[in-house]
PDB file of N, CA and C in Angstrom:
ATOM      1  N   MET A   1     -36.510   8.170  30.640  1.00  0.00           N
ATOM      2  CA  MET A   1     -35.920   8.733  29.451  1.00  0.00           C
ATOM      3  C   MET A   1     -35.576  10.197  29.703  1.00  0.00           C
ATOM      4  N   ASP A   2     -34.337  10.528  29.483  1.00  0.00           N
ATOM      5  CA  ASP A   2     -33.856  11.881  29.716  1.00  0.00           C
ATOM      6  C   ASP A   2     -33.857  12.647  28.396  1.00  0.00           C
ATOM      7  N   VAL A   3     -34.751  13.629  28.269  1.00  0.00           N
ATOM      8  CA  VAL A   3     -34.857  14.407  27.049  1.00  0.00           C
ATOM      9  C   VAL A   3     -34.126  15.732  27.249  1.00  0.00           C
ATOM     10  N   LYS A   4     -33.206  16.031  26.355  1.00  0.00           N
ATOM     11  CA  LYS A   4     -32.488  17.301  26.428  1.00  0.00           C
ATOM     12  C   LYS A   4     -32.923  18.169  25.263  1.00  0.00           C
ATOM     13  N   TYR A   5     -33.101  19.431  25.549  1.00  0.00           N
ATOM     14  CA  TYR A   5     -33.502  20.355  24.498  1.00  0.00           C
ATOM     15  C   TYR A   5     -32.959  21.739  24.803  1.00  0.00           C
ATOM     16  N   GLU A   6     -32.933  22.574  23.805  1.00  0.00           N
ATOM     17  CA  GLU A   6     -32.550  23.967  23.946  1.00  0.00           C
ATOM     18  C   GLU A   6     -33.634  24.814  23.306  1.00  0.00           C
ATOM     19  N   VAL A   7     -33.894  25.970  23.898  1.00  0.00           N
ATOM     20  CA  VAL A   7     -34.931  26.862  23.396  1.00  0.00           C
ATOM     21  C   VAL A   7     -34.267  28.147  22.890  1.00  0.00           C
ATOM     22  N   TYR A   8     -34.587  28.500  21.653  1.00  0.00           N
ATOM     23  CA  TYR A   8     -34.012  29.687  21.022  1.00  0.00           C
ATOM     24  C   TYR A   8     -35.117  30.595  20.523  1.00  0.00           C
ATOM     25  N   THR A   9     -34.765  31.845  20.338  1.00  0.00           N
ATOM     26  CA  THR A   9     -35.634  32.792  19.645  1.00  0.00           C
ATOM     27  C   THR A   9     -34.777  33.574  18.668  1.00  0.00           C
ATOM     28  N   LEU A  10     -35.425  34.283  17.794  1.00  0.00           N
ATOM     29  CA  LEU A  10     -34.732  35.086  16.795  1.00  0.00           C
ATOM     30  C   LEU A  10     -34.782  36.556  17.177  1.00  0.00           C
ATOM     31  N   LYS A  11     -33.743  37.274  16.819  1.00  0.00           N
ATOM     32  CA  LYS A  11     -33.713  38.713  17.062  1.00  0.00           C
ATOM     33  C   LYS A  11     -34.923  39.385  16.409  1.00  0.00           C
ATOM     34  N   GLY A  12     -35.277  38.934  15.204  1.00  0.00           N
ATOM     35  CA  GLY A  12     -36.426  39.493  14.499  1.00  0.00           C
ATOM     36  C   GLY A  12     -37.742  39.263  15.224  1.00  0.00           C
ATOM     37  N   VAL A  13     -37.854  38.136  15.926  1.00  0.00           N
ATOM     38  CA  VAL A  13     -39.068  37.848  16.698  1.00  0.00           C
ATOM     39  C   VAL A  13     -39.170  38.835  17.865  1.00  0.00           C
ATOM     40  N   ILE A  14     -38.057  39.071  18.540  1.00  0.00           N
ATOM     41  CA  ILE A  14     -38.061  40.028  19.657  1.00  0.00           C
ATOM     42  C   ILE A  14     -38.430  41.421  19.150  1.00  0.00           C
ATOM     43  N   GLU A  15     -37.861  41.824  18.027  1.00  0.00           N
ATOM     44  CA  GLU A  15     -38.173  43.139  17.459  1.00  0.00           C
ATOM     45  C   GLU A  15     -39.655  43.255  17.114  1.00  0.00           C
ATOM     46  N   GLU A  16     -40.217  42.199  16.542  1.00  0.00           N
ATOM     47  CA  GLU A  16     -41.639  42.202  16.183  1.00  0.00           C
ATOM     48  C   GLU A  16     -42.518  42.295  17.439  1.00  0.00           C
ATOM     49  N   LEU A  17     -42.170  41.542  18.478  1.00  0.00           N
ATOM     50  CA  LEU A  17     -42.936  41.595  19.720  1.00  0.00           C
ATOM     51  C   LEU A  17     -42.814  42.961  20.395  1.00  0.00           C
ATOM     52  N   GLU A  18     -41.645  43.582  20.317  1.00  0.00           N
ATOM     53  CA  GLU A  18     -41.471  44.920  20.905  1.00  0.00           C
ATOM     54  C   GLU A  18     -42.385  45.927  20.223  1.00  0.00           C
ATOM     55  N   LYS A  19     -42.507  45.842  18.896  1.00  0.00           N
ATOM     56  CA  LYS A  19     -43.415  46.744  18.169  1.00  0.00           C
ATOM     57  C   LYS A  19     -44.853  46.512  18.596  1.00  0.00           C
ATOM     58  N   LEU A  20     -45.261  45.244  18.628  1.00  0.00           N
ATOM     59  CA  LEU A  20     -46.646  44.919  18.999  1.00  0.00           C
ATOM     60  C   LEU A  20     -46.965  45.327  20.429  1.00  0.00           C
ATOM     61  N   SER A  21     -45.987  45.211  21.325  1.00  0.00           N
ATOM     62  CA  SER A  21     -46.233  45.498  22.741  1.00  0.00           C
ATOM     63  C   SER A  21     -46.477  46.975  23.004  1.00  0.00           C
ATOM     64  N   LYS A  22     -46.090  47.835  22.080  1.00  0.00           N
ATOM     65  CA  LYS A  22     -46.265  49.286  22.256  1.00  0.00           C
ATOM     66  C   LYS A  22     -47.657  49.757  21.854  1.00  0.00           C
ATOM     67  N   LYS A  23     -48.402  48.895  21.190  1.00  0.00           N
ATOM     68  CA  LYS A  23     -49.770  49.248  20.790  1.00  0.00           C
ATOM     69  C   LYS A  23     -50.702  49.090  21.983  1.00  0.00           C
ATOM     70  N   LYS A  24     -51.969  49.378  21.774  1.00  0.00           N
ATOM     71  CA  LYS A  24     -52.957  49.226  22.847  1.00  0.00           C
ATOM     72  C   LYS A  24     -53.828  48.018  22.564  1.00  0.00           C
ATOM     73  N   GLY A  25     -54.424  47.487  23.617  1.00  0.00           N
ATOM     74  CA  GLY A  25     -55.369  46.398  23.444  1.00  0.00           C
ATOM     75  C   GLY A  25     -54.822  45.053  23.874  1.00  0.00           C
ATOM     76  N   THR A  26     -55.645  44.053  23.653  1.00  0.00           N
ATOM     77  CA  THR A  26     -55.337  42.688  24.075  1.00  0.00           C
ATOM     78  C   THR A  26     -54.096  42.150  23.381  1.00  0.00           C
ATOM     79  N   SER A  27     -53.946  42.439  22.096  1.00  0.00           N
ATOM     80  CA  SER A  27     -52.783  41.952  21.347  1.00  0.00           C
ATOM     81  C   SER A  27     -51.489  42.448  21.967  1.00  0.00           C
ATOM     82  N   ALA A  28     -51.484  43.693  22.406  1.00  0.00           N
ATOM     83  CA  ALA A  28     -50.292  44.269  23.036  1.00  0.00           C
ATOM     84  C   ALA A  28     -49.992  43.574  24.361  1.00  0.00           C
ATOM     85  N   GLN A  29     -51.026  43.224  25.097  1.00  0.00           N
ATOM     86  CA  GLN A  29     -50.826  42.507  26.365  1.00  0.00           C
ATOM     87  C   GLN A  29     -50.192  41.145  26.113  1.00  0.00           C
ATOM     88  N   TYR A  30     -50.681  40.429  25.112  1.00  0.00           N
ATOM     89  CA  TYR A  30     -50.103  39.127  24.767  1.00  0.00           C
ATOM     90  C   TYR A  30     -48.667  39.281  24.286  1.00  0.00           C
ATOM     91  N   ALA A  31     -48.416  40.330  23.517  1.00  0.00           N
ATOM     92  CA  ALA A  31     -47.059  40.577  23.014  1.00  0.00           C
ATOM     93  C   ALA A  31     -46.105  40.852  24.172  1.00  0.00           C
ATOM     94  N   ARG A  32     -46.550  41.629  25.159  1.00  0.00           N
ATOM     95  CA  ARG A  32     -45.699  41.911  26.324  1.00  0.00           C
ATOM     96  C   ARG A  32     -45.407  40.642  27.125  1.00  0.00           C
ATOM     97  N   ALA A  33     -46.413  39.797  27.282  1.00  0.00           N
ATOM     98  CA  ALA A  33     -46.212  38.536  28.001  1.00  0.00           C
ATOM     99  C   ALA A  33     -45.239  37.637  27.239  1.00  0.00           C
ATOM    100  N   ALA A  34     -45.410  37.552  25.922  1.00  0.00           N
ATOM    101  CA  ALA A  34     -44.513  36.736  25.098  1.00  0.00           C
ATOM    102  C   ALA A  34     -43.099  37.301  25.131  1.00  0.00           C
ATOM    103  N   LEU A  35     -42.975  38.607  25.087  1.00  0.00           N
ATOM    104  CA  LEU A  35     -41.673  39.264  25.123  1.00  0.00           C
ATOM    105  C   LEU A  35     -40.939  38.940  26.423  1.00  0.00           C
ATOM    106  N   HIS A  36     -41.675  38.942  27.502  1.00  0.00           N
ATOM    107  CA  HIS A  36     -41.094  38.594  28.800  1.00  0.00           C
ATOM    108  C   HIS A  36     -40.483  37.188  28.768  1.00  0.00           C
ATOM    109  N   GLU A  37     -41.167  36.257  28.122  1.00  0.00           N
ATOM    110  CA  GLU A  37     -40.691  34.877  28.057  1.00  0.00           C
ATOM    111  C   GLU A  37     -39.546  34.693  27.060  1.00  0.00           C
ATOM    112  N   VAL A  38     -39.646  35.291  25.880  1.00  0.00           N
ATOM    113  CA  VAL A  38     -38.604  35.065  24.873  1.00  0.00           C
ATOM    114  C   VAL A  38     -37.278  35.696  25.262  1.00  0.00           C
ATOM    115  N   LYS A  39     -37.315  36.706  26.105  1.00  0.00           N
ATOM    116  CA  LYS A  39     -36.056  37.324  26.532  1.00  0.00           C
ATOM    117  C   LYS A  39     -35.237  36.395  27.428  1.00  0.00           C
ATOM    118  N   LYS A  40     -35.842  35.319  27.905  1.00  0.00           N
ATOM    119  CA  LYS A  40     -35.130  34.321  28.716  1.00  0.00           C
ATOM    120  C   LYS A  40     -34.420  33.291  27.836  1.00  0.00           C
ATOM    121  N   MET A  41     -34.728  33.275  26.546  1.00  0.00           N
ATOM    122  CA  MET A  41     -34.219  32.253  25.639  1.00  0.00           C
ATOM    123  C   MET A  41     -32.870  32.660  25.041  1.00  0.00           C
ATOM    124  N   LYS A  42     -32.191  31.662  24.499  1.00  0.00           N
ATOM    125  CA  LYS A  42     -30.960  31.932  23.763  1.00  0.00           C
ATOM    126  C   LYS A  42     -31.339  32.633  22.467  1.00  0.00           C
ATOM    127  N   LEU A  43     -30.467  33.526  22.017  1.00  0.00           N
ATOM    128  CA  LEU A  43     -30.754  34.346  20.857  1.00  0.00           C
ATOM    129  C   LEU A  43     -30.002  33.861  19.623  1.00  0.00           C
ATOM    130  N   LEU A  44     -30.735  33.671  18.537  1.00  0.00           N
ATOM    131  CA  LEU A  44     -30.130  33.395  17.234  1.00  0.00           C
ATOM    132  C   LEU A  44     -30.172  34.696  16.447  1.00  0.00           C
ATOM    133  N   ASP A  45     -29.023  35.250  16.168  1.00  0.00           N
ATOM    134  CA  ASP A  45     -28.958  36.518  15.434  1.00  0.00           C
ATOM    135  C   ASP A  45     -28.709  36.223  13.967  1.00  0.00           C
ATOM    136  N   ILE A  46     -29.756  35.780  13.289  1.00  0.00           N
ATOM    137  CA  ILE A  46     -29.689  35.457  11.863  1.00  0.00           C
ATOM    138  C   ILE A  46     -30.421  36.566  11.115  1.00  0.00           C
ATOM    139  N   LYS A  47     -29.772  37.108  10.120  1.00  0.00           N
ATOM    140  CA  LYS A  47     -30.370  38.199   9.326  1.00  0.00           C
ATOM    141  C   LYS A  47     -31.443  37.647   8.384  1.00  0.00           C
ATOM    142  N   GLY A  48     -32.491  38.443   8.216  1.00  0.00           N
ATOM    143  CA  GLY A  48     -33.541  38.071   7.275  1.00  0.00           C
ATOM    144  C   GLY A  48     -34.917  38.123   7.899  1.00  0.00           C
ATOM    145  N   ASN A  49     -35.900  37.773   7.103  1.00  0.00           N
ATOM    146  CA  ASN A  49     -37.285  37.743   7.546  1.00  0.00           C
ATOM    147  C   ASN A  49     -37.469  36.605   8.550  1.00  0.00           C
ATOM    148  N   PRO A  50     -37.994  36.898   9.762  1.00  0.00           N
ATOM    149  CA  PRO A  50     -38.150  35.851  10.776  1.00  0.00           C
ATOM    150  C   PRO A  50     -38.956  34.639  10.304  1.00  0.00           C
ATOM    151  N   ASP A  51     -40.023  34.858   9.530  1.00  0.00           N
ATOM    152  CA  ASP A  51     -40.831  33.730   9.050  1.00  0.00           C
ATOM    153  C   ASP A  51     -40.016  32.836   8.112  1.00  0.00           C
ATOM    154  N   ASP A  52     -39.242  33.452   7.226  1.00  0.00           N
ATOM    155  CA  ASP A  52     -38.405  32.678   6.309  1.00  0.00           C
ATOM    156  C   ASP A  52     -37.342  31.886   7.076  1.00  0.00           C
ATOM    157  N   ILE A  53     -36.767  32.514   8.078  1.00  0.00           N
ATOM    158  CA  ILE A  53     -35.740  31.835   8.888  1.00  0.00           C
ATOM    159  C   ILE A  53     -36.351  30.644   9.621  1.00  0.00           C
ATOM    160  N   LEU A  54     -37.517  30.856  10.231  1.00  0.00           N
ATOM    161  CA  LEU A  54     -38.179  29.758  10.946  1.00  0.00           C
ATOM    162  C   LEU A  54     -38.532  28.616   9.998  1.00  0.00           C
ATOM    163  N   LEU A  55     -38.998  28.946   8.819  1.00  0.00           N
ATOM    164  CA  LEU A  55     -39.321  27.909   7.844  1.00  0.00           C
ATOM    165  C   LEU A  55     -38.072  27.128   7.450  1.00  0.00           C
ATOM    166  N   ASN A  56     -36.957  27.813   7.283  1.00  0.00           N
ATOM    167  CA  ASN A  56     -35.703  27.131   6.941  1.00  0.00           C
ATOM    168  C   ASN A  56     -35.196  26.269   8.093  1.00  0.00           C
ATOM    169  N   LEU A  57     -35.454  26.681   9.337  1.00  0.00           N
ATOM    170  CA  LEU A  57     -35.018  25.911  10.501  1.00  0.00           C
ATOM    171  C   LEU A  57     -35.912  24.702  10.783  1.00  0.00           C
ATOM    172  N   ALA A  58     -37.149  24.751  10.296  1.00  0.00           N
ATOM    173  CA  ALA A  58     -38.120  23.684  10.563  1.00  0.00           C
ATOM    174  C   ALA A  58     -37.637  22.351   9.985  1.00  0.00           C
ATOM    175  N   SER A  59     -37.651  21.334  10.838  1.00  0.00           N
ATOM    176  CA  SER A  59     -37.264  19.991  10.403  1.00  0.00           C
ATOM    177  C   SER A  59     -37.890  18.982  11.359  1.00  0.00           C
ATOM    178  N   ARG A  60     -37.661  17.701  11.131  1.00  0.00           N
ATOM    179  CA  ARG A  60     -38.229  16.650  11.986  1.00  0.00           C
ATOM    180  C   ARG A  60     -37.594  16.637  13.369  1.00  0.00           C
ATOM    181  N   ASP A  61     -36.481  17.345  13.577  1.00  0.00           N
ATOM    182  CA  ASP A  61     -35.864  17.358  14.905  1.00  0.00           C
ATOM    183  C   ASP A  61     -35.863  18.752  15.531  1.00  0.00           C
ATOM    184  N   THR A  62     -36.692  19.650  14.974  1.00  0.00           N
ATOM    185  CA  THR A  62     -36.823  21.010  15.507  1.00  0.00           C
ATOM    186  C   THR A  62     -38.308  21.355  15.586  1.00  0.00           C
ATOM    187  N   ILE A  63     -38.738  21.845  16.728  1.00  0.00           N
ATOM    188  CA  ILE A  63     -40.130  22.275  16.884  1.00  0.00           C
ATOM    189  C   ILE A  63     -40.172  23.789  16.735  1.00  0.00           C
ATOM    190  N   ILE A  64     -41.051  24.269  15.880  1.00  0.00           N
ATOM    191  CA  ILE A  64     -41.239  25.701  15.693  1.00  0.00           C
ATOM    192  C   ILE A  64     -42.510  26.117  16.430  1.00  0.00           C
ATOM    193  N   CYS A  65     -42.409  27.192  17.208  1.00  0.00           N
ATOM    194  CA  CYS A  65     -43.570  27.725  17.926  1.00  0.00           C
ATOM    195  C   CYS A  65     -44.041  28.989  17.214  1.00  0.00           C
ATOM    196  N   THR A  66     -45.277  28.974  16.741  1.00  0.00           N
ATOM    197  CA  THR A  66     -45.830  30.130  16.053  1.00  0.00           C
ATOM    198  C   THR A  66     -47.353  30.068  16.048  1.00  0.00           C
ATOM    199  N   ASN A  67     -47.971  31.226  15.961  1.00  0.00           N
ATOM    200  CA  ASN A  67     -49.409  31.292  15.766  1.00  0.00           C
ATOM    201  C   ASN A  67     -49.739  31.868  14.392  1.00  0.00           C
ATOM    202  N   ASP A  68     -48.722  32.124  13.598  1.00  0.00           N
ATOM    203  CA  ASP A  68     -48.905  32.661  12.257  1.00  0.00           C
ATOM    204  C   ASP A  68     -49.515  31.584  11.360  1.00  0.00           C
ATOM    205  N   LYS A  69     -50.723  31.834  10.872  1.00  0.00           N
ATOM    206  CA  LYS A  69     -51.476  30.838  10.110  1.00  0.00           C
ATOM    207  C   LYS A  69     -50.737  30.381   8.846  1.00  0.00           C
ATOM    208  N   VAL A  70     -50.216  31.324   8.087  1.00  0.00           N
ATOM    209  CA  VAL A  70     -49.521  30.989   6.839  1.00  0.00           C
ATOM    210  C   VAL A  70     -48.250  30.197   7.132  1.00  0.00           C
ATOM    211  N   LEU A  71     -47.495  30.629   8.129  1.00  0.00           N
ATOM    212  CA  LEU A  71     -46.260  29.934   8.492  1.00  0.00           C
ATOM    213  C   LEU A  71     -46.557  28.514   8.979  1.00  0.00           C
ATOM    214  N   LYS A  72     -47.615  28.347   9.763  1.00  0.00           N
ATOM    215  CA  LYS A  72     -47.973  27.002  10.239  1.00  0.00           C
ATOM    216  C   LYS A  72     -48.256  26.063   9.067  1.00  0.00           C
ATOM    217  N   GLU A  73     -48.976  26.546   8.067  1.00  0.00           N
ATOM    218  CA  GLU A  73     -49.278  25.713   6.897  1.00  0.00           C
ATOM    219  C   GLU A  73     -48.006  25.292   6.164  1.00  0.00           C
ATOM    220  N   LYS A  74     -47.080  26.223   5.997  1.00  0.00           N
ATOM    221  CA  LYS A  74     -45.823  25.916   5.305  1.00  0.00           C
ATOM    222  C   LYS A  74     -44.999  24.896   6.099  1.00  0.00           C
ATOM    223  N   ILE A  75     -44.992  25.045   7.416  1.00  0.00           N
ATOM    224  CA  ILE A  75     -44.239  24.112   8.265  1.00  0.00           C
ATOM    225  C   ILE A  75     -44.884  22.735   8.230  1.00  0.00           C
ATOM    226  N   ARG A  76     -46.209  22.679   8.245  1.00  0.00           N
ATOM    227  CA  ARG A  76     -46.913  21.387   8.146  1.00  0.00           C
ATOM    228  C   ARG A  76     -46.531  20.664   6.855  1.00  0.00           C
ATOM    229  N   LYS A  77     -46.485  21.407   5.746  1.00  0.00           N
ATOM    230  CA  LYS A  77     -46.125  20.806   4.459  1.00  0.00           C
ATOM    231  C   LYS A  77     -44.714  20.224   4.493  1.00  0.00           C
ATOM    232  N   LYS A  78     -43.850  20.822   5.296  1.00  0.00           N
ATOM    233  CA  LYS A  78     -42.478  20.329   5.440  1.00  0.00           C
ATOM    234  C   LYS A  78     -42.405  19.100   6.340  1.00  0.00           C
ATOM    235  N   GLY A  79     -43.479  18.849   7.099  1.00  0.00           N
ATOM    236  CA  GLY A  79     -43.518  17.691   7.990  1.00  0.00           C
ATOM    237  C   GLY A  79     -42.867  17.928   9.336  1.00  0.00           C
ATOM    238  N   ALA A  80     -42.619  19.176   9.686  1.00  0.00           N
ATOM    239  CA  ALA A  80     -41.976  19.501  10.961  1.00  0.00           C
ATOM    240  C   ALA A  80     -43.041  19.743  12.040  1.00  0.00           C
ATOM    241  N   PRO A  81     -42.708  19.444  13.294  1.00  0.00           N
ATOM    242  CA  PRO A  81     -43.659  19.690  14.382  1.00  0.00           C
ATOM    243  C   PRO A  81     -43.824  21.176  14.699  1.00  0.00           C
ATOM    244  N   ILE A  82     -45.007  21.524  15.199  1.00  0.00           N
ATOM    245  CA  ILE A  82     -45.360  22.914  15.510  1.00  0.00           C
ATOM    246  C   ILE A  82     -46.030  22.960  16.880  1.00  0.00           C
ATOM    247  N   ILE A  83     -45.728  24.000  17.631  1.00  0.00           N
ATOM    248  CA  ILE A  83     -46.463  24.300  18.859  1.00  0.00           C
ATOM    249  C   ILE A  83     -47.138  25.650  18.644  1.00  0.00           C
ATOM    250  N   TYR A  84     -48.420  25.739  19.003  1.00  0.00           N
ATOM    251  CA  TYR A  84     -49.129  27.007  18.874  1.00  0.00           C
ATOM    252  C   TYR A  84     -50.154  27.157  19.991  1.00  0.00           C
ATOM    253  N   LEU A  85     -50.565  28.402  20.209  1.00  0.00           N
ATOM    254  CA  LEU A  85     -51.539  28.734  21.242  1.00  0.00           C
ATOM    255  C   LEU A  85     -52.941  28.618  20.662  1.00  0.00           C
ATOM    256  N   ARG A  86     -53.806  27.921  21.397  1.00  0.00           N
ATOM    257  CA  ARG A  86     -55.188  27.726  20.971  1.00  0.00           C
ATOM    258  C   ARG A  86     -56.117  28.280  22.035  1.00  0.00           C
ATOM    259  N   GLN A  87     -57.150  28.946  21.635  1.00  0.00           N
ATOM    260  CA  GLN A  87     -58.159  29.514  22.535  1.00  0.00           C
ATOM    261  C   GLN A  87     -57.546  30.408  23.607  1.00  0.00           C
ATOM    262  N   LYS A  88     -56.451  31.057  23.263  1.00  0.00           N
ATOM    263  CA  LYS A  88     -55.774  32.039  24.122  1.00  0.00           C
ATOM    264  C   LYS A  88     -55.181  31.457  25.401  1.00  0.00           C
ATOM    265  N   LYS A  89     -55.249  30.106  25.588  1.00  0.00           N
ATOM    266  CA  LYS A  89     -54.685  29.572  26.832  1.00  0.00           C
ATOM    267  C   LYS A  89     -54.166  28.141  26.756  1.00  0.00           C
ATOM    268  N   TYR A  90     -54.314  27.478  25.617  1.00  0.00           N
ATOM    269  CA  TYR A  90     -53.855  26.091  25.500  1.00  0.00           C
ATOM    270  C   TYR A  90     -52.743  25.971  24.470  1.00  0.00           C
ATOM    271  N   LEU A  91     -51.661  25.341  24.851  1.00  0.00           N
ATOM    272  CA  LEU A  91     -50.608  25.047  23.886  1.00  0.00           C
ATOM    273  C   LEU A  91     -50.935  23.725  23.217  1.00  0.00           C
ATOM    274  N   THR A  92     -50.833  23.707  21.896  1.00  0.00           N
ATOM    275  CA  THR A  92     -51.116  22.506  21.121  1.00  0.00           C
ATOM    276  C   THR A  92     -49.869  22.154  20.326  1.00  0.00           C
ATOM    277  N   ILE A  93     -49.561  20.871  20.254  1.00  0.00           N
ATOM    278  CA  ILE A  93     -48.441  20.438  19.445  1.00  0.00           C
ATOM    279  C   ILE A  93     -48.961  19.534  18.344  1.00  0.00           C
ATOM    280  N   GLU A  94     -48.469  19.767  17.151  1.00  0.00           N
ATOM    281  CA  GLU A  94     -48.808  18.929  15.997  1.00  0.00           C
ATOM    282  C   GLU A  94     -47.505  18.343  15.469  1.00  0.00           C
ATOM    283  N   GLY A  95     -47.504  17.059  15.210  1.00  0.00           N
ATOM    284  CA  GLY A  95     -46.333  16.406  14.651  1.00  0.00           C
ATOM    285  C   GLY A  95     -45.474  15.760  15.714  1.00  0.00           C
ATOM    286  N   TYR A  96     -44.414  15.120  15.272  1.00  0.00           N
ATOM    287  CA  TYR A  96     -43.542  14.364  16.159  1.00  0.00           C
ATOM    288  C   TYR A  96     -42.081  14.653  15.833  1.00  0.00           C
ATOM    289  N   LEU A  97     -41.252  14.539  16.852  1.00  0.00           N
ATOM    290  CA  LEU A  97     -39.810  14.656  16.637  1.00  0.00           C
ATOM    291  C   LEU A  97     -39.265  13.329  16.163  1.00  0.00           C
ATOM    292  N   LYS A  98     -38.156  13.371  15.487  1.00  0.00           N
ATOM    293  CA  LYS A  98     -37.485  12.171  15.017  1.00  0.00           C
ATOM    294  C   LYS A  98     -37.076  11.295  16.170  1.00  0.00           C
TER     295      LYS A  98
END
């Protein structure tokens, strides 16, 4: 089975990671690592709050990647799949694609 997919990020997500990466501590290190990866992705330049945009994009055929607790709950209620980081080193997926 040949699965095709595209990976996107939002301009607002990059901006948020850039702010976090300038701070000190472990969170900044994770933000810098994430920033390195998201800069390889295609960019969606949609205006607005990144969390609201991600929630609007969430559907049964779109996987949203986030560690934001509130956003994950809202996406779960919508029935869309989610990928998130667990225990600082494991990716977990909840839900299924159509």
